[in-house]
Protein backbone atom coordinates (compact mmCIF):
# COMPACT_ATOMS: atom_id res chain seq x y z
CA MET A 1 107.12 79.31 82.26
CA GLU A 2 107.80 78.30 85.84
CA PRO A 3 104.94 77.09 88.04
CA SER A 4 103.68 79.74 90.44
CA GLU A 5 103.81 79.35 94.20
CA GLU A 6 100.12 78.39 94.25
CA MET A 7 100.68 75.36 92.00
CA LYS A 8 102.23 72.82 94.35
CA PRO A 9 101.86 69.16 93.29
CA GLY A 10 101.19 67.94 96.86
CA GLU A 11 98.19 70.25 97.09
CA LEU A 12 96.79 68.91 93.85
CA SER A 13 95.65 65.49 95.01
CA LEU A 14 92.34 64.13 96.23
CA SER A 15 90.83 60.77 97.05
CA GLY A 16 87.61 59.31 98.27
CA SER A 17 86.38 55.88 99.33
CA VAL A 18 83.18 53.91 99.45
CA VAL A 19 82.36 50.43 100.76
CA VAL A 20 80.55 48.23 98.25
CA ALA A 21 78.51 45.53 99.95
CA GLY A 22 78.62 41.94 98.81
CA ARG A 23 81.28 42.36 96.11
CA ALA A 24 84.81 40.99 96.05
CA PRO A 25 87.73 43.25 95.14
CA GLU A 26 88.29 41.28 91.92
CA GLU A 27 84.72 41.97 90.73
CA LEU A 28 85.07 45.70 91.29
CA TYR A 29 88.49 45.77 89.67
CA GLU A 30 86.93 44.13 86.58
CA MET A 31 84.26 46.84 86.43
CA VAL A 32 86.77 49.70 86.63
CA ALA A 33 89.26 47.99 84.33
CA ASP A 34 86.65 47.92 81.57
CA VAL A 35 87.31 51.47 80.39
CA THR A 36 84.46 51.17 77.88
CA ARG A 37 82.07 51.29 80.88
CA MET A 38 83.48 54.31 82.74
CA GLY A 39 80.73 56.52 81.33
CA GLU A 40 78.20 54.46 83.28
CA TRP A 41 79.32 56.07 86.52
CA SER A 42 81.62 59.02 85.82
CA PRO A 43 80.10 62.51 85.50
CA VAL A 44 82.88 63.56 83.06
CA CYS A 45 84.39 60.50 81.38
CA THR A 46 82.00 59.12 78.78
CA GLY A 47 84.09 56.00 78.16
CA GLY A 48 87.25 54.80 76.56
CA SER A 49 88.84 52.33 74.20
CA TRP A 50 92.09 50.41 74.33
CA LEU A 51 94.87 51.37 71.95
CA ASP A 52 97.23 48.58 72.94
CA GLY A 53 96.54 44.93 73.61
CA ASN A 54 93.38 43.59 75.09
CA GLY A 55 92.97 45.35 78.37
CA PRO A 56 94.66 46.56 81.48
CA GLN A 57 98.31 45.73 81.89
CA VAL A 58 101.20 47.99 82.84
CA GLY A 59 102.22 49.98 79.78
CA ALA A 60 98.93 49.50 77.91
CA ARG A 61 97.34 52.69 76.56
CA PHE A 62 93.75 53.75 76.15
CA VAL A 63 91.89 56.81 74.96
CA GLY A 64 89.55 58.35 77.53
CA ARG A 65 86.64 60.42 76.21
CA ASN A 66 85.44 63.27 78.40
CA GLN A 67 82.66 65.82 78.28
CA THR A 68 81.54 68.79 80.36
CA PRO A 69 79.05 71.50 79.42
CA GLU A 70 82.00 73.67 78.34
CA ARG A 71 83.95 71.22 76.22
CA THR A 72 84.58 67.71 74.91
CA TRP A 73 88.07 66.19 74.76
CA GLU A 74 90.08 62.99 74.63
CA THR A 75 93.17 61.99 76.56
CA THR A 76 95.73 59.27 76.02
CA CYS A 77 96.24 57.29 79.20
CA THR A 78 98.97 54.79 80.09
CA VAL A 79 98.39 52.10 82.70
CA VAL A 80 100.99 52.29 85.50
CA ALA A 81 99.47 49.74 87.92
CA ALA A 82 97.33 46.71 87.08
CA GLU A 83 96.97 44.26 89.94
CA PRO A 84 93.58 42.52 89.68
CA GLY A 85 91.64 42.93 92.90
CA ARG A 86 94.18 45.37 94.33
CA GLU A 87 94.94 48.42 92.18
CA LEU A 88 94.40 49.95 88.77
CA ALA A 89 96.02 53.28 87.91
CA TRP A 90 96.97 55.28 84.85
CA VAL A 91 98.68 58.51 83.96
CA VAL A 92 97.21 61.03 81.55
CA ASN A 93 99.15 63.01 78.93
CA ALA A 94 102.47 61.25 79.48
CA GLY A 95 102.51 61.83 83.21
CA TRP A 96 100.58 65.03 83.87
CA VAL A 97 97.89 63.47 86.07
CA ARG A 98 97.54 60.11 87.83
CA TRP A 99 94.13 58.53 88.37
CA GLY A 100 93.85 55.35 90.40
CA TYR A 101 91.55 52.90 92.08
CA SER A 102 92.48 50.62 94.95
CA PHE A 103 90.41 47.75 96.29
CA GLU A 104 90.53 46.49 99.87
CA PRO A 105 88.47 43.63 101.27
CA VAL A 106 86.47 44.63 104.33
CA GLU A 107 83.83 42.81 106.33
CA GLY A 108 80.80 42.36 104.07
CA GLY A 109 82.35 43.81 100.90
CA THR A 110 85.14 45.91 99.47
CA ARG A 111 86.42 49.41 100.09
CA VAL A 112 87.08 51.15 96.77
CA THR A 113 89.28 54.24 96.84
CA GLU A 114 89.55 56.55 93.86
CA SER A 115 92.50 58.95 93.74
CA TRP A 116 93.55 61.87 91.57
CA GLU A 117 96.87 63.70 91.58
CA VAL A 118 98.45 66.32 89.35
CA LEU A 119 102.08 65.27 89.01
CA PRO A 120 105.05 67.66 88.74
CA ALA A 121 105.08 67.31 84.93
CA GLY A 122 101.42 68.34 84.95
CA VAL A 123 102.07 71.45 87.03
CA GLU A 124 104.81 72.42 84.58
CA GLY A 125 102.63 71.53 81.59
CA PHE A 126 99.73 73.64 82.84
CA ALA A 127 102.12 76.55 83.40
CA GLU A 128 103.43 76.24 79.85
CA ARG A 129 100.00 75.72 78.26
CA PHE A 130 97.96 78.26 80.20
CA GLY A 131 100.50 80.81 81.40
CA ALA A 132 98.99 83.25 83.89
CA ASP A 133 95.73 81.27 83.86
CA ALA A 134 97.40 78.00 84.98
CA ASP A 135 96.41 78.36 88.66
CA ALA A 136 92.76 78.89 87.73
CA GLN A 137 92.86 75.95 85.32
CA LEU A 138 94.36 73.69 87.98
CA ALA A 139 91.81 74.89 90.53
CA ASN A 140 89.03 74.03 88.06
CA ARG A 141 90.46 70.52 87.58
CA LYS A 142 90.75 70.06 91.34
CA GLU A 143 87.15 71.14 91.87
CA ALA A 144 86.00 68.75 89.13
CA ALA A 145 87.82 65.91 90.89
CA ARG A 146 86.46 67.00 94.28
CA SER A 147 82.87 66.69 93.06
CA GLY A 148 83.46 63.91 90.54
CA ILE A 149 85.17 61.35 92.75
CA PRO A 150 82.26 60.88 95.18
CA THR A 151 79.77 60.92 92.30
CA THR A 152 81.73 58.24 90.46
CA LEU A 153 82.16 56.08 93.55
CA GLN A 154 78.47 56.26 94.47
CA ALA A 155 77.44 55.33 90.93
CA LEU A 156 79.95 52.45 90.86
CA LYS A 157 78.62 51.26 94.22
CA ALA A 158 75.02 51.41 92.98
CA ALA A 159 75.87 49.53 89.78
CA ALA A 160 77.79 46.84 91.65
CA GLU A 161 75.23 46.38 94.41
CA THR A 162 72.31 46.16 91.98
CA GLY A 163 74.03 43.49 89.93
CA SER A 164 75.30 45.32 86.86
CA ALA A 165 78.89 44.37 87.66
CA GLY A 166 78.43 41.81 84.90
CA ARG A 167 80.53 42.47 81.83
CA GLY A 168 83.96 43.04 83.33
CA ALA A 169 87.37 43.42 81.72
CA GLY A 170 87.01 40.45 79.42
CA SER A 171 83.98 41.85 77.63
CA PRO A 172 83.80 42.29 73.87
CA GLY A 173 84.75 45.69 72.51
CA ARG A 174 87.64 46.27 74.88
CA ALA A 175 90.35 46.67 72.28
CA GLY A 176 90.19 49.93 70.33
């Protein structure tokens, strides 16, 4: 099935930013790169585990576990950017969706930006999987990202500023 006119990849992207006081970009990268901890701040992702290697590097895969009141599911994610202190990003379902975090030093702390984008393969995949309901499914995902990104960033900020940045990417339990 072909994507409908409503399902344009450029319209299926969102981002948000927050400034975290008193934390270096590398510290915040370590928090986000520890996928086992994502459930501490995300309203949907309950955590993850590494399938390949011992942590974030380009090409490494992890399983993300997600839960909403309607359903529970897992996704296989592949890291596409892993620059400590600068950027961590992964694609979901072999390139359907890209999630990313960037880290920028600012006076007194770090600006963390979280981004979400449905890629062209995702638009096509939703059309194939959901048929006539694809637009509604994509709109639901976009709304979840719209509300989830600021929630995640605020929780990450609170955890970092109150000192629970601790464990980081080298923590035990990272490999799945």
